[in-house]
Amino acid sequence: MVFSAHPVTGSRDEVVINASWGLGESLVSGTVTPDTFVIRKADLAVVSRDIAEKRRMTVLAHEGTQEVPVPRKQQTAPSLNDGHVVKLAWLALALESAMGWPVDLECAFQSQELYLLQCRPITTLGTL
């Protein structure tokens, strides 16, 4: 998930990215603790990164999806590299500009290709 404004502090000067391995279903449902990246909008610099231990991930299965263990060496590895983080932040800024309000995005990478899955307003910010 990518937020073009900080969803907790309300800061409009930061982009916040929450990411994990596999499909976003486990991230959205809250069954995993994601990696969190905070990016300064002014220069797209990563100002903080909190890399979580990711033990489970959701993957495609014959009958939909299922949760499976994350391979051991990936559990403490960042789910995004710096190039991915910058691409996501840039997309959030472009969509915020086009829409006229802070956005909440769901995205995915397949290899190095970025896919936008959903874009909606951040409703928790109110009129800050």
N, C-alpha and C. Protein backbone atom coordinates (compact mmCIF):
# COMPACT_ATOMS: atom_id res chain seq x y z
N MET A 1 0.85 -1.16 0.00
CA MET A 1 0.00 0.00 0.00
C MET A 1 0.90 1.23 0.00
N VAL A 2 0.44 2.23 -0.73
CA VAL A 2 1.21 3.47 -0.85
C VAL A 2 0.27 4.62 -0.50
N PHE A 3 0.71 5.48 0.39
CA PHE A 3 -0.08 6.64 0.80
C PHE A 3 0.69 7.90 0.43
N SER A 4 0.06 8.82 -0.30
CA SER A 4 0.74 10.05 -0.70
C SER A 4 0.74 11.10 0.40
N ALA A 5 0.19 10.78 1.54
CA ALA A 5 0.28 11.58 2.76
C ALA A 5 0.39 10.57 3.90
N HIS A 6 1.03 10.96 4.97
CA HIS A 6 1.23 10.02 6.09
C HIS A 6 -0.11 9.73 6.75
N PRO A 7 -0.59 8.48 6.69
CA PRO A 7 -1.93 8.17 7.21
C PRO A 7 -2.05 8.25 8.73
N VAL A 8 -0.93 8.24 9.45
CA VAL A 8 -0.98 8.30 10.91
C VAL A 8 -0.81 9.73 11.41
N THR A 9 0.23 10.42 10.91
CA THR A 9 0.52 11.78 11.39
C THR A 9 -0.25 12.85 10.62
N GLY A 10 -0.71 12.50 9.41
CA GLY A 10 -1.40 13.48 8.56
C GLY A 10 -0.45 14.35 7.75
N SER A 11 0.86 14.15 7.89
CA SER A 11 1.83 14.96 7.16
C SER A 11 1.63 14.81 5.65
N ARG A 12 1.52 15.93 4.99
CA ARG A 12 1.37 15.93 3.52
C ARG A 12 2.73 16.07 2.83
N ASP A 13 3.80 16.04 3.61
CA ASP A 13 5.16 16.17 3.07
C ASP A 13 5.84 14.82 2.89
N GLU A 14 5.12 13.73 3.19
CA GLU A 14 5.72 12.40 3.14
C GLU A 14 4.84 11.42 2.37
N VAL A 15 5.48 10.45 1.77
CA VAL A 15 4.82 9.30 1.18
C VAL A 15 5.16 8.12 2.09
N VAL A 16 4.18 7.27 2.39
CA VAL A 16 4.40 6.09 3.22
C VAL A 16 4.06 4.85 2.41
N ILE A 17 4.97 3.88 2.43
CA ILE A 17 4.77 2.63 1.71
C ILE A 17 4.82 1.48 2.71
N ASN A 18 3.80 0.63 2.67
CA ASN A 18 3.78 -0.61 3.44
C ASN A 18 3.85 -1.75 2.43
N ALA A 19 4.79 -2.68 2.63
CA ALA A 19 4.98 -3.75 1.65
C ALA A 19 5.36 -5.05 2.33
N SER A 20 5.02 -6.14 1.65
CA SER A 20 5.35 -7.46 2.14
C SER A 20 5.50 -8.38 0.94
N TRP A 21 5.92 -9.62 1.17
CA TRP A 21 6.05 -10.60 0.09
C TRP A 21 4.68 -11.13 -0.30
N GLY A 22 4.56 -11.59 -1.53
CA GLY A 22 3.34 -12.22 -1.99
C GLY A 22 2.27 -11.22 -2.37
N LEU A 23 1.04 -11.71 -2.40
CA LEU A 23 -0.11 -10.88 -2.75
C LEU A 23 -0.46 -9.96 -1.59
N GLY A 24 -1.10 -8.84 -1.90
CA GLY A 24 -1.43 -7.85 -0.89
C GLY A 24 -2.55 -8.22 0.05
N GLU A 25 -3.21 -9.34 -0.19
CA GLU A 25 -4.34 -9.76 0.64
C GLU A 25 -3.97 -9.87 2.12
N SER A 26 -2.80 -10.44 2.42
CA SER A 26 -2.39 -10.58 3.82
C SER A 26 -2.03 -9.23 4.43
N LEU A 27 -1.55 -8.30 3.63
CA LEU A 27 -1.23 -6.96 4.12
C LEU A 27 -2.52 -6.21 4.44
N VAL A 28 -3.47 -6.24 3.50
CA VAL A 28 -4.74 -5.54 3.69
C VAL A 28 -5.53 -6.13 4.86
N SER A 29 -5.50 -7.44 5.02
CA SER A 29 -6.26 -8.09 6.10
C SER A 29 -5.57 -7.96 7.45
N GLY A 30 -4.30 -7.54 7.46
CA GLY A 30 -3.58 -7.36 8.72
C GLY A 30 -2.99 -8.63 9.30
N THR A 31 -2.85 -9.67 8.50
CA THR A 31 -2.28 -10.92 9.03
C THR A 31 -0.76 -10.92 9.00
N VAL A 32 -0.15 -9.92 8.38
CA VAL A 32 1.31 -9.79 8.39
C VAL A 32 1.70 -8.39 8.84
N THR A 33 2.90 -8.27 9.40
CA THR A 33 3.48 -6.97 9.71
C THR A 33 4.34 -6.58 8.52
N PRO A 34 4.02 -5.48 7.85
CA PRO A 34 4.75 -5.12 6.63
C PRO A 34 6.04 -4.34 6.91
N ASP A 35 6.87 -4.26 5.88
CA ASP A 35 7.96 -3.31 5.88
C ASP A 35 7.32 -1.93 5.69
N THR A 36 7.89 -0.91 6.32
CA THR A 36 7.37 0.45 6.17
C THR A 36 8.50 1.39 5.75
N PHE A 37 8.25 2.12 4.68
CA PHE A 37 9.20 3.09 4.15
C PHE A 37 8.53 4.46 4.18
N VAL A 38 9.26 5.48 4.68
CA VAL A 38 8.77 6.85 4.67
C VAL A 38 9.68 7.65 3.75
N ILE A 39 9.07 8.32 2.78
CA ILE A 39 9.80 9.04 1.73
C ILE A 39 9.44 10.51 1.79
N ARG A 40 10.45 11.38 1.76
CA ARG A 40 10.22 12.82 1.73
C ARG A 40 9.80 13.21 0.32
N LYS A 41 8.68 13.89 0.19
CA LYS A 41 8.16 14.26 -1.13
C LYS A 41 9.10 15.20 -1.89
N ALA A 42 9.73 16.11 -1.18
CA ALA A 42 10.53 17.16 -1.83
C ALA A 42 11.61 16.60 -2.74
N ASP A 43 12.26 15.49 -2.34
CA ASP A 43 13.37 14.95 -3.14
C ASP A 43 13.32 13.43 -3.29
N LEU A 44 12.22 12.81 -2.85
CA LEU A 44 12.03 11.36 -2.92
C LEU A 44 13.12 10.57 -2.17
N ALA A 45 13.67 11.20 -1.12
CA ALA A 45 14.66 10.52 -0.28
C ALA A 45 13.93 9.65 0.74
N VAL A 46 14.44 8.44 0.96
CA VAL A 46 13.90 7.56 2.00
C VAL A 46 14.41 8.09 3.34
N VAL A 47 13.49 8.55 4.18
CA VAL A 47 13.90 9.12 5.47
C VAL A 47 13.84 8.08 6.59
N SER A 48 13.06 7.02 6.39
CA SER A 48 13.10 5.93 7.36
C SER A 48 12.62 4.65 6.68
N ARG A 49 13.15 3.54 7.19
CA ARG A 49 12.71 2.23 6.73
C ARG A 49 12.70 1.30 7.93
N ASP A 50 11.60 0.61 8.09
CA ASP A 50 11.44 -0.36 9.16
C ASP A 50 11.18 -1.70 8.49
N ILE A 51 12.17 -2.58 8.52
CA ILE A 51 12.06 -3.87 7.86
C ILE A 51 11.56 -4.90 8.89
N ALA A 52 10.36 -5.39 8.65
CA ALA A 52 9.72 -6.32 9.57
C ALA A 52 10.16 -7.75 9.29
N GLU A 53 9.95 -8.62 10.26
CA GLU A 53 10.13 -10.05 10.03
C GLU A 53 8.82 -10.56 9.44
N LYS A 54 8.90 -11.04 8.22
CA LYS A 54 7.71 -11.44 7.48
C LYS A 54 7.67 -12.96 7.40
N ARG A 55 6.86 -13.60 8.22
CA ARG A 55 6.84 -15.06 8.30
C ARG A 55 5.82 -15.71 7.37
N ARG A 56 4.76 -15.00 6.98
CA ARG A 56 3.70 -15.55 6.14
C ARG A 56 3.49 -14.66 4.92
N MET A 57 3.00 -15.25 3.85
CA MET A 57 2.62 -14.49 2.67
C MET A 57 1.46 -15.20 1.98
N THR A 58 0.69 -14.43 1.25
CA THR A 58 -0.43 -14.97 0.49
C THR A 58 0.02 -15.18 -0.94
N VAL A 59 -0.29 -16.36 -1.48
CA VAL A 59 0.08 -16.70 -2.86
C VAL A 59 -1.13 -17.26 -3.59
N LEU A 60 -1.05 -17.28 -4.93
CA LEU A 60 -2.10 -17.90 -5.72
C LEU A 60 -2.11 -19.40 -5.51
N ALA A 61 -3.30 -19.98 -5.49
CA ALA A 61 -3.48 -21.43 -5.37
C ALA A 61 -4.54 -21.86 -6.38
N HIS A 62 -4.70 -23.14 -6.56
CA HIS A 62 -5.68 -23.65 -7.53
C HIS A 62 -7.08 -23.12 -7.28
N GLU A 63 -7.45 -23.01 -6.03
CA GLU A 63 -8.81 -22.58 -5.67
C GLU A 63 -8.81 -21.16 -5.09
N GLY A 64 -7.98 -20.28 -5.60
CA GLY A 64 -7.94 -18.91 -5.10
C GLY A 64 -6.57 -18.56 -4.54
N THR A 65 -6.51 -18.28 -3.24
CA THR A 65 -5.25 -17.93 -2.59
C THR A 65 -5.08 -18.76 -1.32
N GLN A 66 -3.83 -18.77 -0.85
CA GLN A 66 -3.56 -19.42 0.44
C GLN A 66 -2.37 -18.75 1.08
N GLU A 67 -2.31 -18.81 2.41
CA GLU A 67 -1.15 -18.30 3.14
C GLU A 67 -0.14 -19.41 3.29
N VAL A 68 1.12 -19.06 3.04
CA VAL A 68 2.22 -20.02 3.14
C VAL A 68 3.37 -19.36 3.89
N PRO A 69 4.31 -20.16 4.40
CA PRO A 69 5.49 -19.57 5.05
C PRO A 69 6.38 -18.84 4.04
N VAL A 70 6.97 -17.75 4.47
CA VAL A 70 7.97 -17.05 3.66
C VAL A 70 9.28 -17.83 3.81
N PRO A 71 10.00 -18.07 2.71
CA PRO A 71 11.30 -18.74 2.83
C PRO A 71 12.19 -18.02 3.85
N ARG A 72 12.92 -18.79 4.63
CA ARG A 72 13.69 -18.25 5.76
C ARG A 72 14.56 -17.05 5.40
N LYS A 73 15.32 -17.14 4.28
CA LYS A 73 16.24 -16.02 3.99
C LYS A 73 15.51 -14.76 3.50
N GLN A 74 14.23 -14.86 3.15
CA GLN A 74 13.46 -13.68 2.76
C GLN A 74 12.75 -13.04 3.95
N GLN A 75 12.63 -13.74 5.06
CA GLN A 75 11.83 -13.25 6.18
C GLN A 75 12.29 -11.91 6.72
N THR A 76 13.58 -11.67 6.75
CA THR A 76 14.08 -10.39 7.28
C THR A 76 14.67 -9.50 6.18
N ALA A 77 14.53 -9.90 4.94
CA ALA A 77 15.01 -9.10 3.81
C ALA A 77 13.96 -8.05 3.44
N PRO A 78 14.40 -6.87 2.99
CA PRO A 78 13.43 -5.86 2.53
C PRO A 78 12.60 -6.40 1.36
N SER A 79 11.31 -6.13 1.39
CA SER A 79 10.43 -6.57 0.32
C SER A 79 10.52 -5.68 -0.91
N LEU A 80 11.10 -4.50 -0.76
CA LEU A 80 11.29 -3.57 -1.88
C LEU A 80 12.72 -3.06 -1.88
N ASN A 81 13.29 -2.88 -3.07
CA ASN A 81 14.59 -2.22 -3.14
C ASN A 81 14.37 -0.72 -3.33
N ASP A 82 15.45 0.06 -3.26
CA ASP A 82 15.31 1.52 -3.35
C ASP A 82 14.70 1.96 -4.67
N GLY A 83 15.00 1.27 -5.76
CA GLY A 83 14.40 1.61 -7.05
C GLY A 83 12.89 1.45 -7.03
N HIS A 84 12.41 0.35 -6.42
CA HIS A 84 10.97 0.14 -6.30
C HIS A 84 10.32 1.22 -5.44
N VAL A 85 10.98 1.57 -4.35
CA VAL A 85 10.44 2.58 -3.45
C VAL A 85 10.28 3.92 -4.18
N VAL A 86 11.28 4.32 -4.93
CA VAL A 86 11.21 5.59 -5.67
C VAL A 86 10.12 5.54 -6.74
N LYS A 87 9.99 4.42 -7.46
CA LYS A 87 8.92 4.29 -8.47
C LYS A 87 7.55 4.43 -7.83
N LEU A 88 7.35 3.79 -6.69
CA LEU A 88 6.07 3.86 -6.00
C LEU A 88 5.78 5.28 -5.51
N ALA A 89 6.78 5.94 -4.94
CA ALA A 89 6.59 7.31 -4.45
C ALA A 89 6.28 8.25 -5.61
N TRP A 90 7.00 8.10 -6.71
CA TRP A 90 6.75 8.95 -7.89
C TRP A 90 5.32 8.75 -8.39
N LEU A 91 4.86 7.50 -8.48
CA LEU A 91 3.49 7.21 -8.92
C LEU A 91 2.47 7.85 -7.98
N ALA A 92 2.69 7.75 -6.68
CA ALA A 92 1.77 8.35 -5.71
C ALA A 92 1.69 9.86 -5.89
N LEU A 93 2.83 10.51 -6.12
CA LEU A 93 2.83 11.96 -6.32
C LEU A 93 2.12 12.34 -7.61
N ALA A 94 2.35 11.58 -8.68
CA ALA A 94 1.69 11.87 -9.97
C ALA A 94 0.18 11.72 -9.85
N LEU A 95 -0.27 10.66 -9.17
CA LEU A 95 -1.71 10.45 -9.03
C LEU A 95 -2.34 11.45 -8.08
N GLU A 96 -1.63 11.83 -7.02
CA GLU A 96 -2.15 12.86 -6.12
C GLU A 96 -2.34 14.17 -6.89
N SER A 97 -1.38 14.51 -7.73
CA SER A 97 -1.49 15.72 -8.53
C SER A 97 -2.66 15.64 -9.51
N ALA A 98 -2.81 14.52 -10.17
CA ALA A 98 -3.88 14.35 -11.15
C ALA A 98 -5.27 14.33 -10.49
N MET A 99 -5.38 13.71 -9.32
CA MET A 99 -6.67 13.57 -8.66
C MET A 99 -7.06 14.81 -7.85
N GLY A 100 -6.06 15.53 -7.34
CA GLY A 100 -6.34 16.72 -6.55
C GLY A 100 -6.50 16.45 -5.06
N TRP A 101 -6.15 15.25 -4.61
CA TRP A 101 -6.23 14.91 -3.20
C TRP A 101 -5.22 13.80 -2.90
N PRO A 102 -4.85 13.62 -1.62
CA PRO A 102 -3.95 12.53 -1.25
C PRO A 102 -4.57 11.17 -1.58
N VAL A 103 -3.73 10.27 -2.09
CA VAL A 103 -4.22 8.98 -2.56
C VAL A 103 -3.65 7.81 -1.76
N ASP A 104 -4.43 6.73 -1.77
CA ASP A 104 -4.09 5.44 -1.18
C ASP A 104 -4.05 4.47 -2.35
N LEU A 105 -2.89 3.89 -2.62
CA LEU A 105 -2.72 3.03 -3.78
C LEU A 105 -2.46 1.59 -3.36
N GLU A 106 -2.92 0.69 -4.19
CA GLU A 106 -2.50 -0.70 -4.10
C GLU A 106 -1.77 -0.99 -5.41
N CYS A 107 -0.55 -1.50 -5.28
CA CYS A 107 0.31 -1.75 -6.43
C CYS A 107 0.97 -3.11 -6.31
N ALA A 108 1.53 -3.56 -7.41
CA ALA A 108 2.28 -4.82 -7.39
C ALA A 108 3.43 -4.72 -8.38
N PHE A 109 4.49 -5.43 -8.07
CA PHE A 109 5.59 -5.59 -9.01
C PHE A 109 5.60 -7.02 -9.51
N GLN A 110 5.70 -7.18 -10.82
CA GLN A 110 5.95 -8.49 -11.43
C GLN A 110 7.29 -8.32 -12.11
N SER A 111 8.31 -9.00 -11.60
CA SER A 111 9.70 -8.76 -12.02
C SER A 111 9.99 -7.29 -11.71
N GLN A 112 10.34 -6.50 -12.69
CA GLN A 112 10.62 -5.08 -12.45
C GLN A 112 9.47 -4.18 -12.91
N GLU A 113 8.39 -4.76 -13.40
CA GLU A 113 7.26 -3.99 -13.92
C GLU A 113 6.29 -3.63 -12.79
N LEU A 114 5.95 -2.33 -12.70
CA LEU A 114 5.03 -1.83 -11.69
C LEU A 114 3.61 -1.82 -12.24
N TYR A 115 2.68 -2.37 -11.47
CA TYR A 115 1.27 -2.38 -11.84
C TYR A 115 0.46 -1.63 -10.79
N LEU A 116 -0.36 -0.70 -11.23
CA LEU A 116 -1.30 -0.01 -10.35
C LEU A 116 -2.57 -0.84 -10.30
N LEU A 117 -2.96 -1.27 -9.11
CA LEU A 117 -4.14 -2.11 -8.95
C LEU A 117 -5.36 -1.32 -8.52
N GLN A 118 -5.14 -0.29 -7.71
CA GLN A 118 -6.27 0.50 -7.20
C GLN A 118 -5.77 1.86 -6.74
N CYS A 119 -6.59 2.88 -6.92
CA CYS A 119 -6.30 4.23 -6.45
C CYS A 119 -7.58 4.80 -5.86
N ARG A 120 -7.47 5.27 -4.63
CA ARG A 120 -8.63 5.88 -3.97
C ARG A 120 -8.13 7.01 -3.06
N PRO A 121 -9.03 7.90 -2.65
CA PRO A 121 -8.61 8.96 -1.72
C PRO A 121 -8.29 8.39 -0.34
N ILE A 122 -7.38 9.04 0.36
CA ILE A 122 -7.14 8.69 1.76
C ILE A 122 -8.26 9.35 2.56
N THR A 123 -9.16 8.56 3.07
CA THR A 123 -10.34 9.11 3.76
C THR A 123 -10.07 9.44 5.22
N THR A 124 -9.01 8.92 5.80
CA THR A 124 -8.75 9.16 7.23
C THR A 124 -8.11 10.50 7.52
N LEU A 125 -7.73 11.25 6.49
CA LEU A 125 -7.06 12.53 6.73
C LEU A 125 -8.03 13.65 7.07
N GLY A 126 -9.28 13.50 6.73
CA GLY A 126 -10.25 14.58 6.99
C GLY A 126 -9.88 15.81 6.20
N THR A 127 -9.90 16.93 6.84
CA THR A 127 -9.62 18.20 6.16
C THR A 127 -8.30 18.80 6.61
N LEU A 128 -7.37 17.95 7.05
CA LEU A 128 -6.05 18.45 7.49
C LEU A 128 -5.37 19.23 6.39
